Amino acid sequence: MNEKHIQQVLEIEKQAQEIHDVAVRDAQRLPIQAEEDARAILGKALSDAQEEARKLVSEAQAKEEVSRILAQAEEKNQQVEALAMSNFDRAVTYILERIAGKG
């Protein structure tokens, strides 16, 4: 082999070594990067789940509050109806007495 071919072989070996070194560095970095990516994904999933849980709790509390208010309104409505019926009965009695000439 002549000197030129030896230089070419040495240059090719040098390039191959550089490529190998880069590949080794990348291979060492990939698990670390994958772990960081997995942590980020898990963190996002946890954050999303917590936010969804907060929304569900808030909605449940709102529904409880609405139910409580509706129950109170229904109770008040029944009281008003009972009072109205009582007054209606008294009004009918009063009118009947007036018509009958007792008043």
PDB file of N, CA and C in Angstrom:
ATOM      1  N   MET A   1       0.835  -1.174   0.000  1.00  0.00           N
ATOM      2  CA  MET A   1       0.000   0.000   0.000  1.00  0.00           C
ATOM      3  C   MET A   1       0.875   1.231   0.000  1.00  0.00           C
ATOM      4  N   ASN A   2       0.408   2.166  -0.653  1.00  0.00           N
ATOM      5  CA  ASN A   2       1.205   3.389  -0.659  1.00  0.00           C
ATOM      6  C   ASN A   2       0.726   4.322   0.456  1.00  0.00           C
ATOM      7  N   GLU A   3       1.472   5.333   0.633  1.00  0.00           N
ATOM      8  CA  GLU A   3       1.243   6.290   1.724  1.00  0.00           C
ATOM      9  C   GLU A   3      -0.150   6.926   1.635  1.00  0.00           C
ATOM     10  N   LYS A   4      -0.606   7.207   0.442  1.00  0.00           N
ATOM     11  CA  LYS A   4      -1.911   7.843   0.249  1.00  0.00           C
ATOM     12  C   LYS A   4      -3.015   6.922   0.757  1.00  0.00           C
ATOM     13  N   HIS A   5      -2.941   5.653   0.452  1.00  0.00           N
ATOM     14  CA  HIS A   5      -3.963   4.707   0.895  1.00  0.00           C
ATOM     15  C   HIS A   5      -3.938   4.547   2.416  1.00  0.00           C
ATOM     16  N   ILE A   6      -2.757   4.551   2.982  1.00  0.00           N
ATOM     17  CA  ILE A   6      -2.637   4.440   4.436  1.00  0.00           C
ATOM     18  C   ILE A   6      -3.286   5.652   5.102  1.00  0.00           C
ATOM     19  N   GLN A   7      -3.054   6.843   4.563  1.00  0.00           N
ATOM     20  CA  GLN A   7      -3.662   8.066   5.103  1.00  0.00           C
ATOM     21  C   GLN A   7      -5.191   7.997   4.998  1.00  0.00           C
ATOM     22  N   GLN A   8      -5.683   7.490   3.867  1.00  0.00           N
ATOM     23  CA  GLN A   8      -7.137   7.368   3.689  1.00  0.00           C
ATOM     24  C   GLN A   8      -7.726   6.393   4.717  1.00  0.00           C
ATOM     25  N   VAL A   9      -7.067   5.266   4.911  1.00  0.00           N
ATOM     26  CA  VAL A   9      -7.537   4.277   5.890  1.00  0.00           C
ATOM     27  C   VAL A   9      -7.522   4.883   7.284  1.00  0.00           C
ATOM     28  N   LEU A  10      -6.461   5.587   7.629  1.00  0.00           N
ATOM     29  CA  LEU A  10      -6.376   6.234   8.941  1.00  0.00           C
ATOM     30  C   LEU A  10      -7.476   7.284   9.112  1.00  0.00           C
ATOM     31  N   GLU A  11      -7.741   8.040   8.064  1.00  0.00           N
ATOM     32  CA  GLU A  11      -8.798   9.063   8.114  1.00  0.00           C
ATOM     33  C   GLU A  11     -10.162   8.398   8.279  1.00  0.00           C
ATOM     34  N   ILE A  12     -10.380   7.314   7.554  1.00  0.00           N
ATOM     35  CA  ILE A  12     -11.664   6.585   7.664  1.00  0.00           C
ATOM     36  C   ILE A  12     -11.813   6.015   9.073  1.00  0.00           C
ATOM     37  N   GLU A  13     -10.745   5.469   9.627  1.00  0.00           N
ATOM     38  CA  GLU A  13     -10.787   4.938  10.989  1.00  0.00           C
ATOM     39  C   GLU A  13     -11.055   6.057  12.002  1.00  0.00           C
ATOM     40  N   LYS A  14     -10.462   7.211  11.768  1.00  0.00           N
ATOM     41  CA  LYS A  14     -10.675   8.354  12.654  1.00  0.00           C
ATOM     42  C   LYS A  14     -12.140   8.784  12.597  1.00  0.00           C
ATOM     43  N   GLN A  15     -12.706   8.868  11.391  1.00  0.00           N
ATOM     44  CA  GLN A  15     -14.114   9.236  11.234  1.00  0.00           C
ATOM     45  C   GLN A  15     -15.023   8.188  11.883  1.00  0.00           C
ATOM     46  N   ALA A  16     -14.681   6.924  11.689  1.00  0.00           N
ATOM     47  CA  ALA A  16     -15.460   5.848  12.292  1.00  0.00           C
ATOM     48  C   ALA A  16     -15.424   5.954  13.816  1.00  0.00           C
ATOM     49  N   GLN A  17     -14.269   6.271  14.365  1.00  0.00           N
ATOM     50  CA  GLN A  17     -14.135   6.423  15.820  1.00  0.00           C
ATOM     51  C   GLN A  17     -14.969   7.596  16.313  1.00  0.00           C
ATOM     52  N   GLU A  18     -14.960   8.704  15.567  1.00  0.00           N
ATOM     53  CA  GLU A  18     -15.766   9.874  15.940  1.00  0.00           C
ATOM     54  C   GLU A  18     -17.244   9.530  15.911  1.00  0.00           C
ATOM     55  N   ILE A  19     -17.663   8.822  14.870  1.00  0.00           N
ATOM     56  CA  ILE A  19     -19.072   8.405  14.756  1.00  0.00           C
ATOM     57  C   ILE A  19     -19.426   7.483  15.922  1.00  0.00           C
ATOM     58  N   HIS A  20     -18.538   6.579  16.244  1.00  0.00           N
ATOM     59  CA  HIS A  20     -18.749   5.662  17.363  1.00  0.00           C
ATOM     60  C   HIS A  20     -18.868   6.431  18.675  1.00  0.00           C
ATOM     61  N   ASP A  21     -17.993   7.394  18.884  1.00  0.00           N
ATOM     62  CA  ASP A  21     -18.022   8.185  20.116  1.00  0.00           C
ATOM     63  C   ASP A  21     -19.342   8.951  20.244  1.00  0.00           C
ATOM     64  N   VAL A  22     -19.782   9.539  19.141  1.00  0.00           N
ATOM     65  CA  VAL A  22     -21.061  10.264  19.149  1.00  0.00           C
ATOM     66  C   VAL A  22     -22.199   9.298  19.463  1.00  0.00           C
ATOM     67  N   ALA A  23     -22.173   8.133  18.853  1.00  0.00           N
ATOM     68  CA  ALA A  23     -23.219   7.138  19.090  1.00  0.00           C
ATOM     69  C   ALA A  23     -23.232   6.693  20.544  1.00  0.00           C
ATOM     70  N   VAL A  24     -22.072   6.502  21.129  1.00  0.00           N
ATOM     71  CA  VAL A  24     -21.983   6.100  22.536  1.00  0.00           C
ATOM     72  C   VAL A  24     -22.545   7.206  23.429  1.00  0.00           C
ATOM     73  N   ARG A  25     -22.170   8.456  23.148  1.00  0.00           N
ATOM     74  CA  ARG A  25     -22.693   9.573  23.946  1.00  0.00           C
ATOM     75  C   ARG A  25     -24.215   9.649  23.824  1.00  0.00           C
ATOM     76  N   ASP A  26     -24.725   9.501  22.597  1.00  0.00           N
ATOM     77  CA  ASP A  26     -26.176   9.529  22.385  1.00  0.00           C
ATOM     78  C   ASP A  26     -26.846   8.373  23.122  1.00  0.00           C
ATOM     79  N   ALA A  27     -26.249   7.203  23.061  1.00  0.00           N
ATOM     80  CA  ALA A  27     -26.816   6.030  23.730  1.00  0.00           C
ATOM     81  C   ALA A  27     -26.837   6.231  25.243  1.00  0.00           C
ATOM     82  N   GLN A  28     -25.843   6.897  25.785  1.00  0.00           N
ATOM     83  CA  GLN A  28     -25.815   7.172  27.220  1.00  0.00           C
ATOM     84  C   GLN A  28     -26.835   8.243  27.599  1.00  0.00           C
ATOM     85  N   ARG A  29     -27.052   9.175  26.703  1.00  0.00           N
ATOM     86  CA  ARG A  29     -27.975  10.279  26.964  1.00  0.00           C
ATOM     87  C   ARG A  29     -29.434   9.855  26.805  1.00  0.00           C
ATOM     88  N   LEU A  30     -29.724   8.913  25.926  1.00  0.00           N
ATOM     89  CA  LEU A  30     -31.108   8.541  25.636  1.00  0.00           C
ATOM     90  C   LEU A  30     -31.886   8.037  26.860  1.00  0.00           C
ATOM     91  N   PRO A  31     -31.334   7.159  27.689  1.00  0.00           N
ATOM     92  CA  PRO A  31     -32.114   6.742  28.868  1.00  0.00           C
ATOM     93  C   PRO A  31     -32.419   7.898  29.809  1.00  0.00           C
ATOM     94  N   ILE A  32     -31.474   8.803  29.965  1.00  0.00           N
ATOM     95  CA  ILE A  32     -31.681   9.966  30.825  1.00  0.00           C
ATOM     96  C   ILE A  32     -32.785  10.847  30.244  1.00  0.00           C
ATOM     97  N   GLN A  33     -32.709  11.068  28.937  1.00  0.00           N
ATOM     98  CA  GLN A  33     -33.729  11.884  28.278  1.00  0.00           C
ATOM     99  C   GLN A  33     -35.093  11.203  28.361  1.00  0.00           C
ATOM    100  N   ALA A  34     -35.118   9.885  28.165  1.00  0.00           N
ATOM    101  CA  ALA A  34     -36.382   9.150  28.250  1.00  0.00           C
ATOM    102  C   ALA A  34     -36.977   9.247  29.652  1.00  0.00           C
ATOM    103  N   GLU A  35     -36.130   9.159  30.669  1.00  0.00           N
ATOM    104  CA  GLU A  35     -36.607   9.274  32.041  1.00  0.00           C
ATOM    105  C   GLU A  35     -37.152  10.678  32.310  1.00  0.00           C
ATOM    106  N   GLU A  36     -36.454  11.694  31.819  1.00  0.00           N
ATOM    107  CA  GLU A  36     -36.928  13.073  31.985  1.00  0.00           C
ATOM    108  C   GLU A  36     -38.263  13.269  31.271  1.00  0.00           C
ATOM    109  N   ASP A  37     -38.364  12.726  30.058  1.00  0.00           N
ATOM    110  CA  ASP A  37     -39.619  12.838  29.309  1.00  0.00           C
ATOM    111  C   ASP A  37     -40.754  12.118  30.040  1.00  0.00           C
ATOM    112  N   ALA A  38     -40.447  10.927  30.573  1.00  0.00           N
ATOM    113  CA  ALA A  38     -41.464  10.161  31.302  1.00  0.00           C
ATOM    114  C   ALA A  38     -41.920  10.930  32.543  1.00  0.00           C
ATOM    115  N   ARG A  39     -40.964  11.543  33.262  1.00  0.00           N
ATOM    116  CA  ARG A  39     -41.331  12.344  34.439  1.00  0.00           C
ATOM    117  C   ARG A  39     -42.225  13.524  34.039  1.00  0.00           C
ATOM    118  N   ALA A  40     -41.885  14.160  32.938  1.00  0.00           N
ATOM    119  CA  ALA A  40     -42.690  15.299  32.476  1.00  0.00           C
ATOM    120  C   ALA A  40     -44.099  14.842  32.114  1.00  0.00           C
ATOM    121  N   ILE A  41     -44.202  13.711  31.427  1.00  0.00           N
ATOM    122  CA  ILE A  41     -45.514  13.192  31.039  1.00  0.00           C
ATOM    123  C   ILE A  41     -46.317  12.822  32.282  1.00  0.00           C
ATOM    124  N   LEU A  42     -45.675  12.144  33.238  1.00  0.00           N
ATOM    125  CA  LEU A  42     -46.364  11.780  34.477  1.00  0.00           C
ATOM    126  C   LEU A  42     -46.783  13.019  35.265  1.00  0.00           C
ATOM    127  N   GLY A  43     -45.910  14.005  35.302  1.00  0.00           N
ATOM    128  CA  GLY A  43     -46.247  15.248  35.995  1.00  0.00           C
ATOM    129  C   GLY A  43     -47.448  15.934  35.362  1.00  0.00           C
ATOM    130  N   LYS A  44     -47.474  15.972  34.043  1.00  0.00           N
ATOM    131  CA  LYS A  44     -48.609  16.583  33.331  1.00  0.00           C
ATOM    132  C   LYS A  44     -49.885  15.788  33.585  1.00  0.00           C
ATOM    133  N   ALA A  45     -49.785  14.464  33.529  1.00  0.00           N
ATOM    134  CA  ALA A  45     -50.953  13.620  33.776  1.00  0.00           C
ATOM    135  C   ALA A  45     -51.474  13.822  35.195  1.00  0.00           C
ATOM    136  N   LEU A  46     -50.565  13.894  36.161  1.00  0.00           N
ATOM    137  CA  LEU A  46     -50.972  14.117  37.546  1.00  0.00           C
ATOM    138  C   LEU A  46     -51.625  15.483  37.706  1.00  0.00           C
ATOM    139  N   SER A  47     -51.029  16.484  37.103  1.00  0.00           N
ATOM    140  CA  SER A  47     -51.590  17.838  37.166  1.00  0.00           C
ATOM    141  C   SER A  47     -52.984  17.875  36.542  1.00  0.00           C
ATOM    142  N   ASP A  48     -53.121  17.248  35.388  1.00  0.00           N
ATOM    143  CA  ASP A  48     -54.433  17.205  34.714  1.00  0.00           C
ATOM    144  C   ASP A  48     -55.462  16.471  35.568  1.00  0.00           C
ATOM    145  N   ALA A  49     -55.043  15.355  36.175  1.00  0.00           N
ATOM    146  CA  ALA A  49     -55.954  14.577  37.012  1.00  0.00           C
ATOM    147  C   ALA A  49     -56.385  15.378  38.240  1.00  0.00           C
ATOM    148  N   GLN A  50     -55.439  16.105  38.842  1.00  0.00           N
ATOM    149  CA  GLN A  50     -55.777  16.923  40.007  1.00  0.00           C
ATOM    150  C   GLN A  50     -56.745  18.036  39.620  1.00  0.00           C
ATOM    151  N   GLU A  51     -56.519  18.651  38.480  1.00  0.00           N
ATOM    152  CA  GLU A  51     -57.416  19.716  38.020  1.00  0.00           C
ATOM    153  C   GLU A  51     -58.813  19.161  37.752  1.00  0.00           C
ATOM    154  N   GLU A  52     -58.880  18.003  37.113  1.00  0.00           N
ATOM    155  CA  GLU A  52     -60.176  17.373  36.844  1.00  0.00           C
ATOM    156  C   GLU A  52     -60.872  17.022  38.152  1.00  0.00           C
ATOM    157  N   ALA A  53     -60.111  16.521  39.126  1.00  0.00           N
ATOM    158  CA  ALA A  53     -60.689  16.189  40.430  1.00  0.00           C
ATOM    159  C   ALA A  53     -61.238  17.450  41.110  1.00  0.00           C
ATOM    160  N   ARG A  54     -60.480  18.541  41.033  1.00  0.00           N
ATOM    161  CA  ARG A  54     -60.963  19.805  41.618  1.00  0.00           C
ATOM    162  C   ARG A  54     -62.271  20.249  40.955  1.00  0.00           C
ATOM    163  N   LYS A  55     -62.331  20.109  39.637  1.00  0.00           N
ATOM    164  CA  LYS A  55     -63.560  20.497  38.925  1.00  0.00           C
ATOM    165  C   LYS A  55     -64.733  19.628  39.359  1.00  0.00           C
ATOM    166  N   LEU A  56     -64.499  18.318  39.459  1.00  0.00           N
ATOM    167  CA  LEU A  56     -65.575  17.409  39.849  1.00  0.00           C
ATOM    168  C   LEU A  56     -66.061  17.706  41.266  1.00  0.00           C
ATOM    169  N   VAL A  57     -65.122  17.965  42.178  1.00  0.00           N
ATOM    170  CA  VAL A  57     -65.498  18.292  43.556  1.00  0.00           C
ATOM    171  C   VAL A  57     -66.285  19.595  43.574  1.00  0.00           C
ATOM    172  N   SER A  58     -65.818  20.566  42.811  1.00  0.00           N
ATOM    173  CA  SER A  58     -66.502  21.856  42.754  1.00  0.00           C
ATOM    174  C   SER A  58     -67.915  21.700  42.202  1.00  0.00           C
ATOM    175  N   GLU A  59     -68.046  20.909  41.136  1.00  0.00           N
ATOM    176  CA  GLU A  59     -69.373  20.677  40.550  1.00  0.00           C
ATOM    177  C   GLU A  59     -70.273  19.949  41.532  1.00  0.00           C
ATOM    178  N   ALA A  60     -69.715  18.973  42.245  1.00  0.00           N
ATOM    179  CA  ALA A  60     -70.506  18.230  43.225  1.00  0.00           C
ATOM    180  C   ALA A  60     -70.972  19.148  44.342  1.00  0.00           C
ATOM    181  N   GLN A  61     -70.075  20.027  44.803  1.00  0.00           N
ATOM    182  CA  GLN A  61     -70.448  20.974  45.854  1.00  0.00           C
ATOM    183  C   GLN A  61     -71.523  21.922  45.344  1.00  0.00           C
ATOM    184  N   ALA A  62     -71.393  22.366  44.102  1.00  0.00           N
ATOM    185  CA  ALA A  62     -72.392  23.266  43.522  1.00  0.00           C
ATOM    186  C   ALA A  62     -73.745  22.557  43.433  1.00  0.00           C
ATOM    187  N   LYS A  63     -73.727  21.294  43.028  1.00  0.00           N
ATOM    188  CA  LYS A  63     -74.980  20.534  42.928  1.00  0.00           C
ATOM    189  C   LYS A  63     -75.609  20.352  44.306  1.00  0.00           C
ATOM    190  N   GLU A  64     -74.771  20.100  45.320  1.00  0.00           N
ATOM    191  CA  GLU A  64     -75.286  19.987  46.684  1.00  0.00           C
ATOM    192  C   GLU A  64     -75.926  21.299  47.120  1.00  0.00           C
ATOM    193  N   GLU A  65     -75.274  22.406  46.801  1.00  0.00           N
ATOM    194  CA  GLU A  65     -75.788  23.722  47.172  1.00  0.00           C
ATOM    195  C   GLU A  65     -77.111  23.986  46.458  1.00  0.00           C
ATOM    196  N   VAL A  66     -77.175  23.647  45.187  1.00  0.00           N
ATOM    197  CA  VAL A  66     -78.417  23.833  44.428  1.00  0.00           C
ATOM    198  C   VAL A  66     -79.524  22.974  45.043  1.00  0.00           C
ATOM    199  N   SER A  67     -79.198  21.730  45.372  1.00  0.00           N
ATOM    200  CA  SER A  67     -80.192  20.841  45.981  1.00  0.00           C
ATOM    201  C   SER A  67     -80.675  21.403  47.311  1.00  0.00           C
ATOM    202  N   ARG A  68     -79.761  21.918  48.113  1.00  0.00           N
ATOM    203  CA  ARG A  68     -80.132  22.494  49.412  1.00  0.00           C
ATOM    204  C   ARG A  68     -81.040  23.712  49.221  1.00  0.00           C
ATOM    205  N   ILE A  69     -80.679  24.566  48.278  1.00  0.00           N
ATOM    206  CA  ILE A  69     -81.490  25.772  48.016  1.00  0.00           C
ATOM    207  C   ILE A  69     -82.865  25.379  47.505  1.00  0.00           C
ATOM    208  N   LEU A  70     -82.917  24.401  46.609  1.00  0.00           N
ATOM    209  CA  LEU A  70     -84.216  23.949  46.091  1.00  0.00           C
ATOM    210  C   LEU A  70     -85.074  23.342  47.201  1.00  0.00           C
ATOM    211  N   ALA A  71     -84.452  22.585  48.097  1.00  0.00           N
ATOM    212  CA  ALA A  71     -85.197  21.997  49.214  1.00  0.00           C
ATOM    213  C   ALA A  71     -85.756  23.094  50.112  1.00  0.00           C
ATOM    214  N   GLN A  72     -84.939  24.119  50.383  1.00  0.00           N
ATOM    215  CA  GLN A  72     -85.406  25.236  51.199  1.00  0.00           C
ATOM    216  C   GLN A  72     -86.548  25.972  50.503  1.00  0.00           C
ATOM    217  N   ALA A  73     -86.407  26.175  49.204  1.00  0.00           N
ATOM    218  CA  ALA A  73     -87.445  26.874  48.445  1.00  0.00           C
ATOM    219  C   ALA A  73     -88.734  26.054  48.435  1.00  0.00           C
ATOM    220  N   GLU A  74     -88.618  24.754  48.294  1.00  0.00           N
ATOM    221  CA  GLU A  74     -89.802  23.891  48.306  1.00  0.00           C
ATOM    222  C   GLU A  74     -90.491  23.940  49.671  1.00  0.00           C
ATOM    223  N   GLU A  75     -89.690  23.919  50.737  1.00  0.00           N
ATOM    224  CA  GLU A  75     -90.252  24.004  52.083  1.00  0.00           C
ATOM    225  C   GLU A  75     -90.976  25.334  52.278  1.00  0.00           C
ATOM    226  N   LYS A  76     -90.329  26.418  51.853  1.00  0.00           N
ATOM    227  CA  LYS A  76     -90.952  27.752  51.977  1.00  0.00           C
ATOM    228  C   LYS A  76     -92.231  27.813  51.144  1.00  0.00           C
ATOM    229  N   ASN A  77     -92.191  27.228  49.951  1.00  0.00           N
ATOM    230  CA  ASN A  77     -93.363  27.211  49.075  1.00  0.00           C
ATOM    231  C   ASN A  77     -94.517  26.460  49.748  1.00  0.00           C
ATOM    232  N   GLN A  78     -94.223  25.345  50.403  1.00  0.00           N
ATOM    233  CA  GLN A  78     -95.264  24.584  51.094  1.00  0.00           C
ATOM    234  C   GLN A  78     -95.851  25.391  52.244  1.00  0.00           C
ATOM    235  N   GLN A  79     -94.974  26.125  52.948  1.00  0.00           N
ATOM    236  CA  GLN A  79     -95.460  26.964  54.048  1.00  0.00           C
ATOM    237  C   GLN A  79     -96.386  28.054  53.515  1.00  0.00           C
ATOM    238  N   VAL A  80     -95.997  28.671  52.407  1.00  0.00           N
ATOM    239  CA  VAL A  80     -96.816  29.735  51.807  1.00  0.00           C
ATOM    240  C   VAL A  80     -98.149  29.158  51.327  1.00  0.00           C
ATOM    241  N   GLU A  81     -98.099  27.987  50.710  1.00  0.00           N
ATOM    242  CA  GLU A  81     -99.343  27.352  50.248  1.00  0.00           C
ATOM    243  C   GLU A  81    -100.262  27.039  51.429  1.00  0.00           C
ATOM    244  N   ALA A  82     -99.687  26.517  52.521  1.00  0.00           N
ATOM    245  CA  ALA A  82    -100.494  26.206  53.704  1.00  0.00           C
ATOM    246  C   ALA A  82    -101.121  27.472  54.270  1.00  0.00           C
ATOM    247  N   LEU A  83    -100.330  28.549  54.333  1.00  0.00           N
ATOM    248  CA  LEU A  83    -100.849  29.818  54.831  1.00  0.00           C
ATOM    249  C   LEU A  83    -101.938  30.351  53.901  1.00  0.00           C
ATOM    250  N   ALA A  84    -101.692  30.241  52.607  1.00  0.00           N
ATOM    251  CA  ALA A  84    -102.685  30.713  51.630  1.00  0.00           C
ATOM    252  C   ALA A  84    -103.983  29.918  51.761  1.00  0.00           C
ATOM    253  N   MET A  85    -103.876  28.616  51.935  1.00  0.00           N
ATOM    254  CA  MET A  85    -105.086  27.798  52.080  1.00  0.00           C
ATOM    255  C   MET A  85    -105.818  28.165  53.365  1.00  0.00           C
ATOM    256  N   SER A  86    -105.063  28.424  54.414  1.00  0.00           N
ATOM    257  CA  SER A  86    -105.677  28.834  55.674  1.00  0.00           C
ATOM    258  C   SER A  86    -106.413  30.151  55.483  1.00  0.00           C
ATOM    259  N   ASN A  87    -105.770  31.102  54.844  1.00  0.00           N
ATOM    260  CA  ASN A  87    -106.401  32.398  54.585  1.00  0.00           C
ATOM    261  C   ASN A  87    -107.581  32.251  53.627  1.00  0.00           C
ATOM    262  N   PHE A  88    -107.458  31.348  52.664  1.00  0.00           N
ATOM    263  CA  PHE A  88    -108.540  31.126  51.704  1.00  0.00           C
ATOM    264  C   PHE A  88    -109.767  30.588  52.444  1.00  0.00           C
ATOM    265  N   ASP A  89    -109.530  29.610  53.325  1.00  0.00           N
ATOM    266  CA  ASP A  89    -110.647  29.052  54.089  1.00  0.00           C
ATOM    267  C   ASP A  89    -111.297  30.127  54.951  1.00  0.00           C
ATOM    268  N   ARG A  90    -110.482  30.951  55.569  1.00  0.00           N
ATOM    269  CA  ARG A  90    -111.033  32.033  56.394  1.00  0.00           C
ATOM    270  C   ARG A  90    -111.786  33.038  55.528  1.00  0.00           C
ATOM    271  N   ALA A  91    -111.277  33.324  54.341  1.00  0.00           N
ATOM    272  CA  ALA A  91    -111.934  34.274  53.434  1.00  0.00           C
ATOM    273  C   ALA A  91    -113.273  33.718  52.969  1.00  0.00           C
ATOM    274  N   VAL A  92    -113.296  32.454  52.623  1.00  0.00           N
ATOM    275  CA  VAL A  92    -114.563  31.843  52.195  1.00  0.00           C
ATOM    276  C   VAL A  92    -115.581  31.887  53.329  1.00  0.00           C
ATOM    277  N   THR A  93    -115.133  31.565  54.534  1.00  0.00           N
ATOM    278  CA  THR A  93    -116.024  31.604  55.705  1.00  0.00           C
ATOM    279  C   THR A  93    -116.540  33.022  55.920  1.00  0.00           C
ATOM    280  N   TYR A  94    -115.658  33.988  55.802  1.00  0.00           N
ATOM    281  CA  TYR A  94    -116.043  35.389  55.988  1.00  0.00           C
ATOM    282  C   TYR A  94    -117.091  35.792  54.948  1.00  0.00           C
ATOM    283  N   ILE A  95    -116.855  35.436  53.695  1.00  0.00           N
ATOM    284  CA  ILE A  95    -117.789  35.814  52.620  1.00  0.00           C
ATOM    285  C   ILE A  95    -119.129  35.117  52.818  1.00  0.00           C
ATOM    286  N   LEU A  96    -119.085  33.855  53.164  1.00  0.00           N
ATOM    287  CA  LEU A  96    -120.342  33.130  53.382  1.00  0.00           C
ATOM    288  C   LEU A  96    -121.125  33.740  54.547  1.00  0.00           C
ATOM    289  N   GLU A  97    -120.410  34.155  55.599  1.00  0.00           N
ATOM    290  CA  GLU A  97    -121.085  34.795  56.732  1.00  0.00           C
ATOM    291  C   GLU A  97    -121.679  36.133  56.307  1.00  0.00           C
ATOM    292  N   ARG A  98    -120.971  36.876  55.475  1.00  0.00           N
ATOM    293  CA  ARG A  98    -121.476  38.177  55.013  1.00  0.00           C
ATOM    294  C   ARG A  98    -122.710  37.982  54.147  1.00  0.00           C
ATOM    295  N   ILE A  99    -122.648  36.963  53.287  1.00  0.00           N
ATOM    296  CA  ILE A  99    -123.801  36.703  52.416  1.00  0.00           C
ATOM    297  C   ILE A  99    -125.001  36.232  53.245  1.00  0.00           C
ATOM    298  N   ALA A 100    -124.721  35.440  54.219  1.00  0.00           N
ATOM    299  CA  ALA A 100    -125.798  34.917  55.061  1.00  0.00           C
ATOM    300  C   ALA A 100    -126.322  35.985  56.019  1.00  0.00           C
ATOM    301  N   GLY A 101    -125.633  37.074  56.097  1.00  0.00           N
ATOM    302  CA  GLY A 101    -126.069  38.190  56.914  1.00  0.00           C
ATOM    303  C   GLY A 101    -125.640  38.094  58.359  1.00  0.00           C
ATOM    304  N   LYS A 102    -124.623  37.302  58.626  1.00  0.00           N
ATOM    305  CA  LYS A 102    -124.168  37.174  60.001  1.00  0.00           C
ATOM    306  C   LYS A 102    -123.086  38.208  60.321  1.00  0.00           C
ATOM    307  N   GLY A 103    -122.582  38.901  59.344  1.00  0.00           N
ATOM    308  CA  GLY A 103    -121.467  39.764  59.586  1.00  0.00           C
ATOM    309  C   GLY A 103    -121.721  41.155  59.754  1.00  0.00           C
TER     310      GLY A 103
END
